[in-house]
C-alpha atoms as a PDB file:
ATOM      1  CA  UNK A   1     -96.996 159.873 -21.633  1.00  0.00           C
ATOM      2  CA  UNK A   2     -93.625 158.393 -23.267  1.00  0.00           C
ATOM      3  CA  UNK A   3     -94.132 154.964 -24.366  1.00  0.00           C
ATOM      4  CA  UNK A   4     -91.186 153.012 -23.923  1.00  0.00           C
ATOM      5  CA  UNK A   5     -89.527 150.319 -25.918  1.00  0.00           C
ATOM      6  CA  UNK A   6     -91.269 146.579 -25.187  1.00  0.00           C
ATOM      7  CA  UNK A   7     -89.451 143.797 -23.594  1.00  0.00           C
ATOM      8  CA  UNK A   8     -89.480 142.166 -26.889  1.00  0.00           C
ATOM      9  CA  UNK A   9     -87.315 144.492 -28.642  1.00  0.00           C
ATOM     10  CA  UNK A  10     -84.899 144.606 -25.958  1.00  0.00           C
ATOM     11  CA  UNK A  11     -84.486 141.235 -26.025  1.00  0.00           C
ATOM     12  CA  UNK A  12     -84.167 141.127 -30.120  1.00  0.00           C
ATOM     13  CA  UNK A  13     -81.158 144.317 -29.353  1.00  0.00           C
ATOM     14  CA  UNK A  14     -79.244 141.660 -27.185  1.00  0.00           C
ATOM     15  CA  UNK A  15     -79.964 138.729 -29.502  1.00  0.00           C
ATOM     16  CA  UNK A  16     -78.720 140.552 -32.799  1.00  0.00           C
ATOM     17  CA  UNK A  17     -75.569 141.862 -30.749  1.00  0.00           C
ATOM     18  CA  UNK A  18     -75.029 138.598 -29.530  1.00  0.00           C
ATOM     19  CA  UNK A  19     -75.455 137.295 -33.166  1.00  0.00           C
ATOM     20  CA  UNK A  20     -72.561 139.922 -34.583  1.00  0.00           C
ATOM     21  CA  UNK A  21     -70.475 138.931 -31.702  1.00  0.00           C
ATOM     22  CA  UNK A  22     -70.318 135.372 -32.879  1.00  0.00           C
ATOM     23  CA  UNK A  23     -70.590 136.002 -36.660  1.00  0.00           C
ATOM     24  CA  UNK A  24     -67.128 137.775 -36.160  1.00  0.00           C
ATOM     25  CA  UNK A  25     -65.493 135.431 -33.625  1.00  0.00           C
ATOM     26  CA  UNK A  26     -66.503 132.720 -35.900  1.00  0.00           C
ATOM     27  CA  UNK A  27     -64.784 134.436 -39.592  1.00  0.00           C
ATOM     28  CA  UNK A  28     -61.779 135.451 -37.267  1.00  0.00           C
ATOM     29  CA  UNK A  29     -61.219 131.910 -36.041  1.00  0.00           C
ATOM     30  CA  UNK A  30     -61.899 130.374 -40.102  1.00  0.00           C
ATOM     31  CA  UNK A  31     -59.680 132.678 -41.336  1.00  0.00           C
ATOM     32  CA  UNK A  32     -57.182 132.255 -38.933  1.00  0.00           C
ATOM     33  CA  UNK A  33     -57.310 127.752 -39.216  1.00  0.00           C
ATOM     34  CA  UNK A  34     -57.294 128.345 -43.128  1.00  0.00           C
ATOM     35  CA  UNK A  35     -54.201 130.689 -43.037  1.00  0.00           C
ATOM     36  CA  UNK A  36     -52.183 127.412 -41.187  1.00  0.00           C
ATOM     37  CA  UNK A  37     -53.580 124.682 -43.835  1.00  0.00           C
ATOM     38  CA  UNK A  38     -52.173 127.484 -46.727  1.00  0.00           C
ATOM     39  CA  UNK A  39     -48.799 127.954 -44.979  1.00  0.00           C
ATOM     40  CA  UNK A  40     -48.400 123.768 -44.235  1.00  0.00           C
ATOM     41  CA  UNK A  41     -49.596 123.743 -47.958  1.00  0.00           C
ATOM     42  CA  UNK A  42     -47.041 126.252 -49.230  1.00  0.00           C
ATOM     43  CA  UNK A  43     -44.594 124.842 -46.944  1.00  0.00           C
ATOM     44  CA  UNK A  44     -45.096 120.670 -48.401  1.00  0.00           C
ATOM     45  CA  UNK A  45     -45.467 122.288 -51.886  1.00  0.00           C
ATOM     46  CA  UNK A  46     -42.170 123.321 -51.947  1.00  0.00           C
ATOM     47  CA  UNK A  47     -40.434 120.698 -50.143  1.00  0.00           C
ATOM     48  CA  UNK A  48     -41.984 118.687 -52.929  1.00  0.00           C
ATOM     49  CA  UNK A  49     -40.339 120.780 -55.461  1.00  0.00           C
ATOM     50  CA  UNK A  50     -36.760 120.412 -54.263  1.00  0.00           C
ATOM     51  CA  UNK A  51     -36.753 117.009 -53.582  1.00  0.00           C
ATOM     52  CA  UNK A  52     -38.105 116.380 -57.027  1.00  0.00           C
ATOM     53  CA  UNK A  53     -34.991 118.648 -58.282  1.00  0.00           C
ATOM     54  CA  UNK A  54     -33.382 117.278 -56.013  1.00  0.00           C
ATOM     55  CA  UNK A  55     -34.049 113.950 -58.388  1.00  0.00           C
ATOM     56  CA  UNK A  56     -33.592 115.021 -61.034  1.00  0.00           C
ATOM     57  CA  UNK A  57     -30.681 116.586 -60.795  1.00  0.00           C
ATOM     58  CA  UNK A  58     -29.089 113.264 -59.047  1.00  0.00           C
ATOM     59  CA  UNK A  59     -30.691 111.143 -62.443  1.00  0.00           C
ATOM     60  CA  UNK A  60     -29.171 113.438 -64.503  1.00  0.00           C
ATOM     61  CA  UNK A  61     -25.048 113.202 -63.178  1.00  0.00           C
ATOM     62  CA  UNK A  62     -22.623 115.529 -65.747  1.00  0.00           C
ATOM     63  CA  UNK A  63     -25.552 115.967 -68.278  1.00  0.00           C
ATOM     64  CA  UNK A  64     -27.525 118.544 -65.480  1.00  0.00           C
ATOM     65  CA  UNK A  65     -23.978 120.910 -64.440  1.00  0.00           C
ATOM     66  CA  UNK A  66     -24.333 121.125 -68.181  1.00  0.00           C
ATOM     67  CA  UNK A  67     -27.095 121.953 -68.627  1.00  0.00           C
ATOM     68  CA  UNK A  68     -26.669 125.107 -65.546  1.00  0.00           C
END
């Protein structure tokens, strides 16, 4: 007579599958969130550099044209 696996083993398998799915979804959500934050930071940094260069060009006036 074959012995079937116990109820605790089946529950452990279901719990393991649930954990894997949950961790995968959390990982994907975290990745997408961090990429969104990174893109916003890059955009803000580029805007700041552009404003700095614009203010530098405005402050230098004619000298800036000669530097180019």
